[in-house]
């Protein structure tokens, strides 16, 4: 079983930027499965089961629906990568400080420590038992989950279908199942919601978000 699988979620077919970024993950991780996963467009409704849910708020659903299907490979841990994430560093190196953790993200928000985080406004929409455990990962891109954590999170989602923002939902479901997320110190300032510029992509690292051609 591979120790790590890289899941590359993308929304556009034959898109030069998506193709560039996918190739960067393959180039720097030749011994790991890099699995492209085509998703519904973020501006389109999610499946008929969720007519009121939209992908911008629910990008984590891509992960759960993928995991719920038969897979050609099983891995000990999974790295969630979006189409605008660029790799200039082996993924194992990127994850080396959190390798033995079950959930790791660029930054982690806890209600008691970071009450100003905007998505904590939706804590009231969580089940009462989950509200004291509310936490978030930000951004969702480049989050790593162990296989056991992802299995537990996906099972919780399909059982309960919480309708809160993806970064709050995934982290809180993980926490509820005993897998409190931790911050990855190597994510640094280049894994961010902020759109980067070509001059930002400088040297070894993982970069998000890269929505432009680099060559």
N, C-alpha and C. Protein backbone atom coordinates (compact mmCIF):
# COMPACT_ATOMS: atom_id res chain seq x y z
N UNK A 1 0.85 -1.20 0.00
CA UNK A 1 0.00 0.00 0.00
C UNK A 1 0.88 1.25 0.00
N UNK A 2 0.68 2.18 -0.92
CA UNK A 2 1.45 3.43 -0.89
C UNK A 2 1.21 4.19 0.40
N UNK A 3 2.27 4.86 0.88
CA UNK A 3 2.12 5.61 2.12
C UNK A 3 1.38 6.93 1.92
N UNK A 4 1.24 7.37 0.66
CA UNK A 4 0.58 8.64 0.39
C UNK A 4 -0.01 8.62 -1.02
N UNK A 5 -1.23 9.10 -1.14
CA UNK A 5 -1.85 9.32 -2.43
C UNK A 5 -2.20 10.79 -2.58
N UNK A 6 -1.97 11.34 -3.77
CA UNK A 6 -2.25 12.75 -4.04
C UNK A 6 -3.50 12.82 -4.91
N UNK A 7 -4.53 13.48 -4.40
CA UNK A 7 -5.80 13.61 -5.11
C UNK A 7 -5.89 15.01 -5.69
N UNK A 8 -5.87 15.09 -7.02
CA UNK A 8 -5.85 16.37 -7.72
C UNK A 8 -7.24 16.63 -8.30
N UNK A 9 -8.00 17.53 -7.66
CA UNK A 9 -9.38 17.82 -8.07
C UNK A 9 -9.38 19.01 -9.02
N UNK A 10 -10.03 18.83 -10.18
CA UNK A 10 -10.06 19.90 -11.17
C UNK A 10 -11.46 20.01 -11.78
N UNK A 11 -11.73 21.19 -12.39
CA UNK A 11 -13.08 21.51 -12.86
C UNK A 11 -13.17 21.73 -14.36
N UNK A 12 -12.04 21.93 -15.05
CA UNK A 12 -12.05 22.23 -16.47
C UNK A 12 -11.23 21.20 -17.23
N UNK A 13 -11.81 20.68 -18.31
CA UNK A 13 -11.09 19.77 -19.18
C UNK A 13 -10.16 20.58 -20.09
N UNK A 14 -8.97 20.03 -20.35
CA UNK A 14 -8.02 20.65 -21.28
C UNK A 14 -7.71 22.11 -20.93
N UNK A 15 -7.58 22.37 -19.65
CA UNK A 15 -7.24 23.71 -19.19
C UNK A 15 -5.74 23.80 -18.99
N UNK A 16 -5.04 24.73 -19.64
CA UNK A 16 -3.58 24.78 -19.56
C UNK A 16 -3.05 24.94 -18.13
N UNK A 17 -3.71 25.74 -17.31
CA UNK A 17 -3.22 25.94 -15.95
C UNK A 17 -3.41 24.68 -15.12
N UNK A 18 -4.59 24.06 -15.22
CA UNK A 18 -4.81 22.80 -14.49
C UNK A 18 -3.79 21.75 -14.93
N UNK A 19 -3.55 21.66 -16.24
CA UNK A 19 -2.59 20.68 -16.74
C UNK A 19 -1.18 20.97 -16.25
N UNK A 20 -0.80 22.25 -16.24
CA UNK A 20 0.51 22.63 -15.72
C UNK A 20 0.68 22.21 -14.27
N UNK A 21 -0.35 22.51 -13.46
CA UNK A 21 -0.24 22.22 -12.04
C UNK A 21 -0.26 20.72 -11.77
N UNK A 22 -1.09 19.98 -12.49
CA UNK A 22 -1.10 18.53 -12.34
C UNK A 22 0.26 17.95 -12.68
N UNK A 23 0.86 18.42 -13.77
CA UNK A 23 2.17 17.91 -14.17
C UNK A 23 3.22 18.19 -13.11
N UNK A 24 3.09 19.32 -12.40
CA UNK A 24 4.07 19.64 -11.35
C UNK A 24 4.02 18.63 -10.22
N UNK A 25 2.82 18.16 -9.88
CA UNK A 25 2.70 17.15 -8.83
C UNK A 25 3.27 15.82 -9.29
N UNK A 26 3.05 15.48 -10.53
CA UNK A 26 3.62 14.23 -11.06
C UNK A 26 5.14 14.30 -11.14
N UNK A 27 5.66 15.43 -11.55
CA UNK A 27 7.10 15.58 -11.72
C UNK A 27 7.85 15.43 -10.40
N UNK A 28 7.30 16.00 -9.35
CA UNK A 28 8.01 15.99 -8.06
C UNK A 28 7.66 14.78 -7.19
N UNK A 29 6.72 13.95 -7.65
CA UNK A 29 6.31 12.78 -6.87
C UNK A 29 6.19 11.56 -7.78
N UNK A 30 7.28 11.18 -8.45
CA UNK A 30 7.19 10.11 -9.46
C UNK A 30 6.86 8.74 -8.88
N UNK A 31 7.08 8.56 -7.58
CA UNK A 31 6.84 7.25 -6.97
C UNK A 31 5.51 7.18 -6.22
N UNK A 32 4.68 8.24 -6.33
CA UNK A 32 3.40 8.26 -5.63
C UNK A 32 2.26 8.27 -6.63
N UNK A 33 1.11 7.67 -6.26
CA UNK A 33 -0.07 7.82 -7.12
C UNK A 33 -0.58 9.26 -7.07
N UNK A 34 -0.67 9.88 -8.24
CA UNK A 34 -1.26 11.20 -8.38
C UNK A 34 -2.54 11.00 -9.19
N UNK A 35 -3.68 11.18 -8.54
CA UNK A 35 -4.96 10.78 -9.11
C UNK A 35 -5.78 12.01 -9.48
N UNK A 36 -5.96 12.28 -10.77
CA UNK A 36 -6.82 13.39 -11.17
C UNK A 36 -8.29 13.03 -10.95
N UNK A 37 -9.04 13.94 -10.37
CA UNK A 37 -10.46 13.71 -10.12
C UNK A 37 -11.23 14.88 -10.72
N UNK A 38 -12.03 14.61 -11.75
CA UNK A 38 -12.82 15.66 -12.39
C UNK A 38 -14.09 15.90 -11.58
N UNK A 39 -14.40 17.17 -11.31
CA UNK A 39 -15.50 17.54 -10.43
C UNK A 39 -16.52 18.39 -11.17
N UNK A 40 -17.69 18.50 -10.57
CA UNK A 40 -18.66 19.45 -11.09
C UNK A 40 -18.09 20.86 -10.95
N UNK A 41 -18.48 21.74 -11.85
CA UNK A 41 -17.95 23.10 -11.82
C UNK A 41 -18.41 23.81 -10.55
N UNK A 42 -17.55 24.64 -9.94
CA UNK A 42 -17.92 25.27 -8.67
C UNK A 42 -19.12 26.20 -8.75
N UNK A 43 -19.51 26.62 -9.96
CA UNK A 43 -20.67 27.49 -10.09
C UNK A 43 -21.96 26.71 -10.35
N UNK A 44 -21.88 25.39 -10.38
CA UNK A 44 -23.03 24.57 -10.68
C UNK A 44 -23.57 23.89 -9.41
N UNK A 45 -24.87 23.57 -9.38
CA UNK A 45 -25.42 22.87 -8.21
C UNK A 45 -24.80 21.51 -8.02
N UNK A 46 -24.76 21.07 -6.77
CA UNK A 46 -24.28 19.72 -6.50
C UNK A 46 -25.39 18.73 -6.87
N UNK A 47 -25.16 17.43 -6.70
CA UNK A 47 -26.15 16.44 -7.17
C UNK A 47 -27.55 16.67 -6.60
N UNK A 48 -28.52 16.00 -7.22
CA UNK A 48 -29.92 16.23 -6.88
C UNK A 48 -30.20 15.93 -5.41
N UNK A 49 -29.35 15.14 -4.77
CA UNK A 49 -29.53 14.88 -3.34
C UNK A 49 -29.37 16.16 -2.53
N UNK A 50 -28.66 17.14 -3.08
CA UNK A 50 -28.35 18.36 -2.35
C UNK A 50 -28.70 19.57 -3.20
N UNK A 51 -29.96 19.79 -3.53
CA UNK A 51 -30.30 20.87 -4.45
C UNK A 51 -30.01 22.25 -3.91
N UNK A 52 -29.85 22.39 -2.61
CA UNK A 52 -29.60 23.71 -2.05
C UNK A 52 -28.12 23.96 -1.78
N UNK A 53 -27.28 22.97 -2.05
CA UNK A 53 -25.86 23.11 -1.75
C UNK A 53 -25.08 23.41 -3.03
N UNK A 54 -24.07 24.28 -2.92
CA UNK A 54 -23.28 24.66 -4.07
C UNK A 54 -21.81 24.39 -3.79
N UNK A 55 -21.08 24.12 -4.84
CA UNK A 55 -19.74 23.58 -4.69
C UNK A 55 -18.76 24.55 -4.06
N UNK A 56 -18.94 25.86 -4.25
CA UNK A 56 -17.99 26.77 -3.62
C UNK A 56 -17.97 26.58 -2.11
N UNK A 57 -19.14 26.41 -1.54
CA UNK A 57 -19.23 26.14 -0.10
C UNK A 57 -18.92 24.70 0.24
N UNK A 58 -18.95 23.84 -0.76
CA UNK A 58 -18.95 22.41 -0.49
C UNK A 58 -17.90 21.64 -1.27
N UNK A 59 -16.74 22.23 -1.43
CA UNK A 59 -15.71 21.53 -2.20
C UNK A 59 -15.29 20.23 -1.53
N UNK A 60 -15.52 20.10 -0.23
CA UNK A 60 -15.18 18.85 0.45
C UNK A 60 -16.04 17.68 -0.02
N UNK A 61 -17.24 17.98 -0.57
CA UNK A 61 -18.08 16.90 -1.06
C UNK A 61 -17.40 16.14 -2.18
N UNK A 62 -16.59 16.84 -2.99
CA UNK A 62 -15.83 16.15 -4.03
C UNK A 62 -15.01 15.01 -3.43
N UNK A 63 -14.40 15.28 -2.30
CA UNK A 63 -13.56 14.29 -1.63
C UNK A 63 -14.38 13.12 -1.10
N UNK A 64 -15.49 13.41 -0.45
CA UNK A 64 -16.30 12.34 0.14
C UNK A 64 -16.93 11.45 -0.94
N UNK A 65 -17.44 12.07 -2.00
CA UNK A 65 -18.04 11.27 -3.07
C UNK A 65 -16.98 10.43 -3.78
N UNK A 66 -15.80 10.99 -3.97
CA UNK A 66 -14.72 10.20 -4.57
C UNK A 66 -14.38 9.00 -3.67
N UNK A 67 -14.23 9.25 -2.38
CA UNK A 67 -13.81 8.20 -1.46
C UNK A 67 -14.87 7.10 -1.35
N UNK A 68 -16.12 7.46 -1.55
CA UNK A 68 -17.22 6.51 -1.40
C UNK A 68 -17.34 5.57 -2.60
N UNK A 69 -16.60 5.85 -3.68
CA UNK A 69 -16.65 5.01 -4.88
C UNK A 69 -15.55 3.95 -4.84
N UNK A 70 -15.69 2.87 -5.62
CA UNK A 70 -14.59 1.89 -5.71
C UNK A 70 -13.31 2.58 -6.19
N UNK A 71 -12.18 2.23 -5.58
CA UNK A 71 -10.91 2.86 -5.90
C UNK A 71 -9.93 1.85 -6.48
N UNK A 72 -9.06 2.33 -7.35
CA UNK A 72 -8.04 1.46 -7.95
C UNK A 72 -6.83 1.33 -7.05
N UNK A 73 -6.72 2.19 -6.05
CA UNK A 73 -5.57 2.15 -5.14
C UNK A 73 -6.03 2.60 -3.76
N UNK A 74 -5.47 1.99 -2.74
CA UNK A 74 -5.67 2.42 -1.36
C UNK A 74 -4.35 2.94 -0.83
N UNK A 75 -4.41 3.99 -0.02
CA UNK A 75 -3.21 4.61 0.51
C UNK A 75 -3.36 4.82 2.01
N UNK A 76 -2.23 4.91 2.71
CA UNK A 76 -2.27 5.10 4.15
C UNK A 76 -2.72 6.51 4.52
N UNK A 77 -2.46 7.47 3.63
CA UNK A 77 -2.89 8.85 3.85
C UNK A 77 -3.12 9.49 2.50
N UNK A 78 -3.90 10.59 2.52
CA UNK A 78 -4.30 11.26 1.28
C UNK A 78 -4.03 12.75 1.41
N UNK A 79 -3.52 13.34 0.33
CA UNK A 79 -3.32 14.78 0.27
C UNK A 79 -4.32 15.36 -0.73
N UNK A 80 -5.20 16.21 -0.24
CA UNK A 80 -6.22 16.85 -1.08
C UNK A 80 -5.60 18.07 -1.76
N UNK A 81 -5.61 18.05 -3.09
CA UNK A 81 -5.01 19.12 -3.88
C UNK A 81 -6.04 19.66 -4.86
N UNK A 82 -6.15 20.96 -4.95
CA UNK A 82 -7.05 21.57 -5.92
C UNK A 82 -6.29 21.99 -7.17
N UNK A 83 -7.03 22.25 -8.23
CA UNK A 83 -6.45 22.51 -9.55
C UNK A 83 -5.46 23.66 -9.56
N UNK A 84 -5.60 24.60 -8.62
CA UNK A 84 -4.73 25.77 -8.61
C UNK A 84 -3.62 25.66 -7.58
N UNK A 85 -3.27 24.44 -7.20
CA UNK A 85 -2.13 24.20 -6.31
C UNK A 85 -0.95 23.72 -7.15
N UNK A 86 0.19 24.36 -6.99
CA UNK A 86 1.40 24.06 -7.76
C UNK A 86 2.44 23.44 -6.84
N UNK A 87 3.08 22.40 -7.32
CA UNK A 87 4.05 21.65 -6.51
C UNK A 87 5.47 21.90 -7.02
N UNK A 88 6.32 22.32 -6.13
CA UNK A 88 7.75 22.48 -6.44
C UNK A 88 8.59 21.86 -5.34
N UNK A 89 8.03 20.79 -4.74
CA UNK A 89 8.65 20.12 -3.59
C UNK A 89 8.00 18.76 -3.45
N UNK A 90 8.76 17.69 -3.18
CA UNK A 90 8.11 16.39 -2.97
C UNK A 90 7.08 16.46 -1.84
N UNK A 91 5.94 15.82 -2.05
CA UNK A 91 4.86 15.89 -1.06
C UNK A 91 5.29 15.33 0.28
N UNK A 92 6.11 14.29 0.28
CA UNK A 92 6.57 13.74 1.57
C UNK A 92 7.36 14.78 2.35
N UNK A 93 8.16 15.58 1.66
CA UNK A 93 8.91 16.63 2.32
C UNK A 93 7.97 17.70 2.86
N UNK A 94 6.96 18.05 2.08
CA UNK A 94 5.97 19.04 2.51
C UNK A 94 5.25 18.59 3.78
N UNK A 95 5.05 17.28 3.93
CA UNK A 95 4.28 16.74 5.04
C UNK A 95 5.14 16.16 6.17
N UNK A 96 6.45 16.29 6.08
CA UNK A 96 7.32 15.54 6.99
C UNK A 96 7.10 15.89 8.46
N UNK A 97 6.70 17.11 8.78
CA UNK A 97 6.52 17.50 10.18
C UNK A 97 5.17 17.08 10.74
N UNK A 98 4.26 16.63 9.86
CA UNK A 98 2.93 16.20 10.31
C UNK A 98 2.64 14.79 9.79
N UNK A 99 3.67 14.08 9.39
CA UNK A 99 3.50 12.79 8.73
C UNK A 99 2.69 11.80 9.56
N UNK A 100 2.87 11.81 10.86
CA UNK A 100 2.19 10.84 11.73
C UNK A 100 0.87 11.37 12.29
N UNK A 101 0.42 12.53 11.83
CA UNK A 101 -0.86 13.07 12.28
C UNK A 101 -1.98 12.55 11.38
N UNK A 102 -3.20 12.66 11.87
CA UNK A 102 -4.34 12.16 11.10
C UNK A 102 -4.95 13.23 10.20
N UNK A 103 -4.90 14.47 10.61
CA UNK A 103 -5.42 15.57 9.79
C UNK A 103 -4.47 16.76 9.96
N UNK A 104 -3.99 17.29 8.84
CA UNK A 104 -3.07 18.43 8.89
C UNK A 104 -3.41 19.39 7.76
N UNK A 105 -3.38 20.68 8.06
CA UNK A 105 -3.73 21.71 7.08
C UNK A 105 -2.80 22.89 7.24
N UNK A 106 -2.91 23.84 6.31
CA UNK A 106 -2.04 25.01 6.36
C UNK A 106 -2.22 25.78 7.67
N UNK A 107 -3.46 25.96 8.07
CA UNK A 107 -3.74 26.58 9.37
C UNK A 107 -5.01 25.95 9.93
N UNK A 108 -5.12 25.99 11.24
CA UNK A 108 -6.25 25.40 11.95
C UNK A 108 -6.87 26.46 12.85
N UNK A 109 -8.20 26.52 12.81
CA UNK A 109 -8.93 27.49 13.61
C UNK A 109 -9.73 26.75 14.69
N UNK A 110 -9.61 27.21 15.94
CA UNK A 110 -10.39 26.65 17.03
C UNK A 110 -11.29 27.75 17.60
N UNK A 111 -12.51 27.37 17.91
CA UNK A 111 -13.49 28.35 18.36
C UNK A 111 -13.02 29.09 19.60
N UNK A 112 -12.37 28.38 20.53
CA UNK A 112 -11.93 29.02 21.77
C UNK A 112 -10.76 29.97 21.55
N UNK A 113 -9.99 29.71 20.49
CA UNK A 113 -8.78 30.51 20.25
C UNK A 113 -8.96 31.56 19.16
N UNK A 114 -9.81 31.25 18.18
CA UNK A 114 -9.97 32.11 17.01
C UNK A 114 -11.45 32.44 16.77
N UNK A 115 -12.13 33.02 17.75
CA UNK A 115 -13.58 33.24 17.60
C UNK A 115 -13.92 34.19 16.46
N UNK A 116 -12.93 34.96 15.98
CA UNK A 116 -13.21 35.92 14.91
C UNK A 116 -13.26 35.28 13.53
N UNK A 117 -12.88 34.00 13.40
CA UNK A 117 -12.92 33.34 12.09
C UNK A 117 -14.36 33.35 11.56
N UNK A 118 -14.53 33.85 10.35
CA UNK A 118 -15.87 34.14 9.86
C UNK A 118 -16.80 32.94 9.83
N UNK A 119 -16.27 31.74 9.58
CA UNK A 119 -17.16 30.59 9.43
C UNK A 119 -17.65 30.04 10.75
N UNK A 120 -17.12 30.54 11.87
CA UNK A 120 -17.67 30.14 13.15
C UNK A 120 -19.08 30.71 13.37
N UNK A 121 -19.51 31.62 12.51
CA UNK A 121 -20.89 32.09 12.58
C UNK A 121 -21.88 30.95 12.31
N UNK A 122 -21.39 29.87 11.68
CA UNK A 122 -22.27 28.76 11.33
C UNK A 122 -22.25 27.64 12.37
N UNK A 123 -21.55 27.83 13.47
CA UNK A 123 -21.51 26.79 14.51
C UNK A 123 -22.91 26.42 14.98
N UNK A 124 -23.79 27.39 15.03
CA UNK A 124 -25.17 27.13 15.48
C UNK A 124 -25.90 26.16 14.56
N UNK A 125 -25.39 25.95 13.35
CA UNK A 125 -26.00 25.02 12.41
C UNK A 125 -25.50 23.59 12.60
N UNK A 126 -24.51 23.41 13.45
CA UNK A 126 -23.99 22.08 13.75
C UNK A 126 -24.87 21.37 14.77
N UNK A 127 -24.83 20.04 14.81
CA UNK A 127 -25.54 19.33 15.88
C UNK A 127 -25.01 19.75 17.25
N UNK A 128 -25.84 19.77 18.26
CA UNK A 128 -25.40 20.22 19.59
C UNK A 128 -24.15 19.51 20.09
N UNK A 129 -24.04 18.22 19.85
CA UNK A 129 -22.88 17.47 20.34
C UNK A 129 -21.58 17.90 19.66
N UNK A 130 -21.68 18.45 18.45
CA UNK A 130 -20.49 18.85 17.71
C UNK A 130 -20.07 20.29 17.98
N UNK A 131 -20.97 21.11 18.47
CA UNK A 131 -20.68 22.53 18.61
C UNK A 131 -19.47 22.82 19.50
N UNK A 132 -19.30 22.14 20.65
CA UNK A 132 -18.11 22.43 21.46
C UNK A 132 -16.80 22.02 20.78
N UNK A 133 -16.87 21.18 19.76
CA UNK A 133 -15.68 20.70 19.07
C UNK A 133 -15.42 21.46 17.77
N UNK A 134 -16.16 22.52 17.54
CA UNK A 134 -16.05 23.24 16.28
C UNK A 134 -14.62 23.72 16.03
N UNK A 135 -14.15 23.48 14.82
CA UNK A 135 -12.83 23.94 14.41
C UNK A 135 -12.81 23.99 12.88
N UNK A 136 -11.78 24.58 12.33
CA UNK A 136 -11.71 24.73 10.89
C UNK A 136 -10.31 24.54 10.36
N UNK A 137 -10.21 24.22 9.08
CA UNK A 137 -8.94 24.21 8.37
C UNK A 137 -9.01 25.29 7.29
N UNK A 138 -7.92 26.01 7.10
CA UNK A 138 -7.95 27.13 6.15
C UNK A 138 -6.57 27.34 5.53
N UNK A 139 -6.51 27.32 4.19
CA UNK A 139 -7.57 26.91 3.28
C UNK A 139 -7.75 25.40 3.28
N UNK A 140 -8.80 24.92 2.62
CA UNK A 140 -9.02 23.48 2.54
C UNK A 140 -7.98 22.81 1.65
N UNK A 141 -7.50 23.56 0.64
CA UNK A 141 -6.51 23.01 -0.28
C UNK A 141 -5.26 22.57 0.48
N UNK A 142 -4.67 21.47 0.05
CA UNK A 142 -3.42 20.93 0.59
C UNK A 142 -3.59 20.39 2.01
N UNK A 143 -4.79 19.95 2.34
CA UNK A 143 -5.04 19.27 3.60
C UNK A 143 -4.74 17.79 3.45
N UNK A 144 -4.07 17.22 4.45
CA UNK A 144 -3.75 15.81 4.47
C UNK A 144 -4.61 15.09 5.51
N UNK A 145 -5.14 13.91 5.13
CA UNK A 145 -5.90 13.07 6.05
C UNK A 145 -5.37 11.65 5.98
N UNK A 146 -5.23 11.02 7.13
CA UNK A 146 -4.95 9.60 7.13
C UNK A 146 -6.17 8.88 6.56
N UNK A 147 -5.96 7.67 6.08
CA UNK A 147 -7.08 6.93 5.51
C UNK A 147 -8.16 6.68 6.55
N UNK A 148 -7.75 6.39 7.78
CA UNK A 148 -8.77 6.12 8.80
C UNK A 148 -9.55 7.38 9.14
N UNK A 149 -8.89 8.54 9.14
CA UNK A 149 -9.60 9.79 9.40
C UNK A 149 -10.56 10.12 8.27
N UNK A 150 -10.11 9.94 7.02
CA UNK A 150 -10.99 10.23 5.89
C UNK A 150 -12.19 9.30 5.88
N UNK A 151 -11.97 8.03 6.21
CA UNK A 151 -13.09 7.08 6.27
C UNK A 151 -14.11 7.53 7.31
N UNK A 152 -13.64 7.96 8.47
CA UNK A 152 -14.55 8.39 9.53
C UNK A 152 -15.29 9.66 9.15
N UNK A 153 -14.58 10.61 8.55
CA UNK A 153 -15.19 11.87 8.15
C UNK A 153 -16.24 11.64 7.07
N UNK A 154 -15.91 10.85 6.06
CA UNK A 154 -16.87 10.57 4.99
C UNK A 154 -18.11 9.87 5.53
N UNK A 155 -17.92 8.93 6.43
CA UNK A 155 -19.05 8.23 7.02
C UNK A 155 -19.96 9.19 7.80
N UNK A 156 -19.34 10.10 8.54
CA UNK A 156 -20.13 11.08 9.28
C UNK A 156 -20.91 11.98 8.33
N UNK A 157 -20.25 12.40 7.25
CA UNK A 157 -20.96 13.26 6.31
C UNK A 157 -22.18 12.54 5.72
N UNK A 158 -22.00 11.33 5.22
CA UNK A 158 -23.11 10.64 4.57
C UNK A 158 -24.20 10.26 5.57
N UNK A 159 -23.84 10.15 6.84
CA UNK A 159 -24.84 9.84 7.86
C UNK A 159 -25.63 11.08 8.28
N UNK A 160 -24.96 12.24 8.33
CA UNK A 160 -25.58 13.42 8.93
C UNK A 160 -25.73 14.61 8.00
N UNK A 161 -24.88 14.73 6.98
CA UNK A 161 -24.99 15.77 5.95
C UNK A 161 -25.13 17.17 6.54
N UNK A 162 -24.17 17.54 7.36
CA UNK A 162 -24.18 18.89 7.92
C UNK A 162 -24.10 19.91 6.80
N UNK A 163 -24.88 20.97 6.90
CA UNK A 163 -24.92 22.00 5.86
C UNK A 163 -24.21 23.26 6.36
N UNK A 164 -22.90 23.13 6.55
CA UNK A 164 -22.07 24.27 6.93
C UNK A 164 -20.91 24.37 5.95
N UNK A 165 -20.14 25.43 6.05
CA UNK A 165 -19.04 25.66 5.12
C UNK A 165 -18.01 24.53 5.20
N UNK A 166 -17.44 24.19 4.05
CA UNK A 166 -16.58 23.01 3.94
C UNK A 166 -15.43 23.00 4.95
N UNK A 167 -14.76 24.13 5.15
CA UNK A 167 -13.59 24.16 6.04
C UNK A 167 -13.99 23.90 7.49
N UNK A 168 -15.17 24.36 7.88
CA UNK A 168 -15.71 24.10 9.22
C UNK A 168 -16.19 22.66 9.31
N UNK A 169 -16.84 22.18 8.29
CA UNK A 169 -17.44 20.85 8.32
C UNK A 169 -16.39 19.76 8.43
N UNK A 170 -15.40 19.76 7.52
CA UNK A 170 -14.41 18.69 7.55
C UNK A 170 -13.66 18.66 8.87
N UNK A 171 -13.19 19.80 9.32
CA UNK A 171 -12.39 19.84 10.54
C UNK A 171 -13.20 19.40 11.76
N UNK A 172 -14.44 19.87 11.85
CA UNK A 172 -15.27 19.52 13.02
C UNK A 172 -15.64 18.04 12.99
N UNK A 173 -15.96 17.50 11.81
CA UNK A 173 -16.25 16.06 11.73
C UNK A 173 -15.03 15.25 12.12
N UNK A 174 -13.84 15.69 11.70
CA UNK A 174 -12.62 14.99 12.11
C UNK A 174 -12.44 15.04 13.62
N UNK A 175 -12.63 16.23 14.20
CA UNK A 175 -12.49 16.40 15.65
C UNK A 175 -13.50 15.54 16.40
N UNK A 176 -14.73 15.50 15.91
CA UNK A 176 -15.78 14.70 16.54
C UNK A 176 -15.40 13.22 16.57
N UNK A 177 -14.67 12.78 15.56
CA UNK A 177 -14.25 11.38 15.48
C UNK A 177 -12.91 11.10 16.17
N UNK A 178 -12.38 12.10 16.87
CA UNK A 178 -11.14 11.89 17.61
C UNK A 178 -9.88 12.25 16.86
N UNK A 179 -10.02 12.94 15.72
CA UNK A 179 -8.87 13.30 14.90
C UNK A 179 -8.77 14.82 14.81
N UNK A 180 -8.31 15.44 15.87
CA UNK A 180 -8.19 16.89 15.88
C UNK A 180 -7.15 17.34 14.86
N UNK A 181 -7.48 18.29 13.98
CA UNK A 181 -6.52 18.74 12.98
C UNK A 181 -5.38 19.53 13.60
N UNK A 182 -4.24 19.48 12.93
CA UNK A 182 -3.07 20.24 13.36
C UNK A 182 -2.58 21.07 12.18
N UNK A 183 -1.83 22.12 12.47
CA UNK A 183 -1.27 22.96 11.43
C UNK A 183 0.04 22.36 10.92
N UNK A 184 0.24 22.47 9.62
CA UNK A 184 1.48 22.01 8.99
C UNK A 184 2.45 23.19 8.91
N UNK A 185 3.52 23.19 9.71
CA UNK A 185 4.43 24.34 9.71
C UNK A 185 5.07 24.61 8.36
N UNK A 186 5.17 23.59 7.50
CA UNK A 186 5.83 23.77 6.22
C UNK A 186 4.90 24.32 5.14
N UNK A 187 3.62 24.49 5.47
CA UNK A 187 2.72 25.09 4.49
C UNK A 187 3.09 26.55 4.25
N UNK A 188 3.43 27.25 5.34
CA UNK A 188 3.91 28.61 5.20
C UNK A 188 2.89 29.55 4.58
N UNK A 189 3.33 30.74 4.20
CA UNK A 189 2.42 31.74 3.66
C UNK A 189 2.01 31.49 2.22
N UNK A 190 2.60 30.48 1.57
CA UNK A 190 2.29 30.26 0.17
C UNK A 190 1.12 29.30 -0.05
N UNK A 191 0.59 28.72 1.01
CA UNK A 191 -0.68 27.97 0.91
C UNK A 191 -1.72 28.85 1.57
N UNK A 192 -2.47 29.56 0.73
CA UNK A 192 -3.31 30.64 1.21
C UNK A 192 -4.53 30.80 0.32
N UNK A 193 -5.54 31.49 0.84
CA UNK A 193 -6.68 31.86 0.01
C UNK A 193 -6.30 32.96 -0.98
N UNK A 194 -5.26 33.71 -0.67
CA UNK A 194 -4.85 34.83 -1.52
C UNK A 194 -4.33 34.32 -2.86
N UNK A 195 -4.77 34.94 -3.95
CA UNK A 195 -4.25 34.55 -5.25
C UNK A 195 -2.81 35.02 -5.38
N UNK A 196 -1.93 34.10 -5.72
CA UNK A 196 -0.52 34.43 -5.84
C UNK A 196 -0.24 35.07 -7.20
N UNK A 197 1.01 35.53 -7.35
CA UNK A 197 1.49 36.11 -8.60
C UNK A 197 2.72 35.32 -9.05
N UNK A 198 3.08 35.39 -10.32
CA UNK A 198 4.23 34.59 -10.79
C UNK A 198 5.49 34.78 -9.97
N UNK A 199 5.74 36.00 -9.52
CA UNK A 199 6.96 36.24 -8.74
C UNK A 199 6.92 35.57 -7.37
N UNK A 200 5.74 35.18 -6.90
CA UNK A 200 5.63 34.49 -5.61
C UNK A 200 6.12 33.05 -5.68
N UNK A 201 6.05 32.45 -6.86
CA UNK A 201 6.42 31.04 -7.03
C UNK A 201 7.93 30.99 -7.25
N UNK A 202 8.62 30.93 -6.14
CA UNK A 202 10.08 31.10 -6.16
C UNK A 202 10.72 30.11 -5.21
N UNK A 203 11.29 29.05 -5.75
CA UNK A 203 11.98 28.06 -4.94
C UNK A 203 11.11 26.90 -4.54
N UNK A 204 11.70 25.92 -3.84
CA UNK A 204 10.95 24.72 -3.44
C UNK A 204 9.79 25.09 -2.52
N UNK A 205 8.67 24.44 -2.74
CA UNK A 205 7.50 24.68 -1.89
C UNK A 205 6.24 24.22 -2.57
N UNK A 206 5.13 24.33 -1.84
CA UNK A 206 3.80 24.08 -2.37
C UNK A 206 3.09 25.44 -2.41
N UNK A 207 2.47 25.74 -3.53
CA UNK A 207 1.91 27.07 -3.75
C UNK A 207 0.42 26.97 -4.08
N UNK A 208 -0.38 27.80 -3.40
CA UNK A 208 -1.81 27.90 -3.67
C UNK A 208 -2.23 29.32 -3.31
N UNK A 209 -2.87 30.08 -4.22
CA UNK A 209 -3.44 29.55 -5.45
C UNK A 209 -2.69 30.10 -6.67
N UNK A 210 -2.37 29.19 -7.59
CA UNK A 210 -1.68 29.51 -8.84
C UNK A 210 -2.67 29.35 -9.98
N UNK A 211 -3.20 30.47 -10.44
CA UNK A 211 -4.22 30.47 -11.50
C UNK A 211 -3.65 31.04 -12.81
N UNK A 212 -2.35 30.85 -13.04
CA UNK A 212 -1.69 31.43 -14.18
C UNK A 212 -0.62 30.46 -14.69
N UNK A 213 -0.19 30.69 -15.92
CA UNK A 213 0.88 29.88 -16.49
C UNK A 213 2.23 30.41 -15.99
N UNK A 214 3.12 29.49 -15.73
CA UNK A 214 4.43 29.86 -15.22
C UNK A 214 5.51 29.83 -16.29
N UNK A 215 5.16 29.41 -17.47
CA UNK A 215 6.16 29.35 -18.53
C UNK A 215 5.53 29.64 -19.87
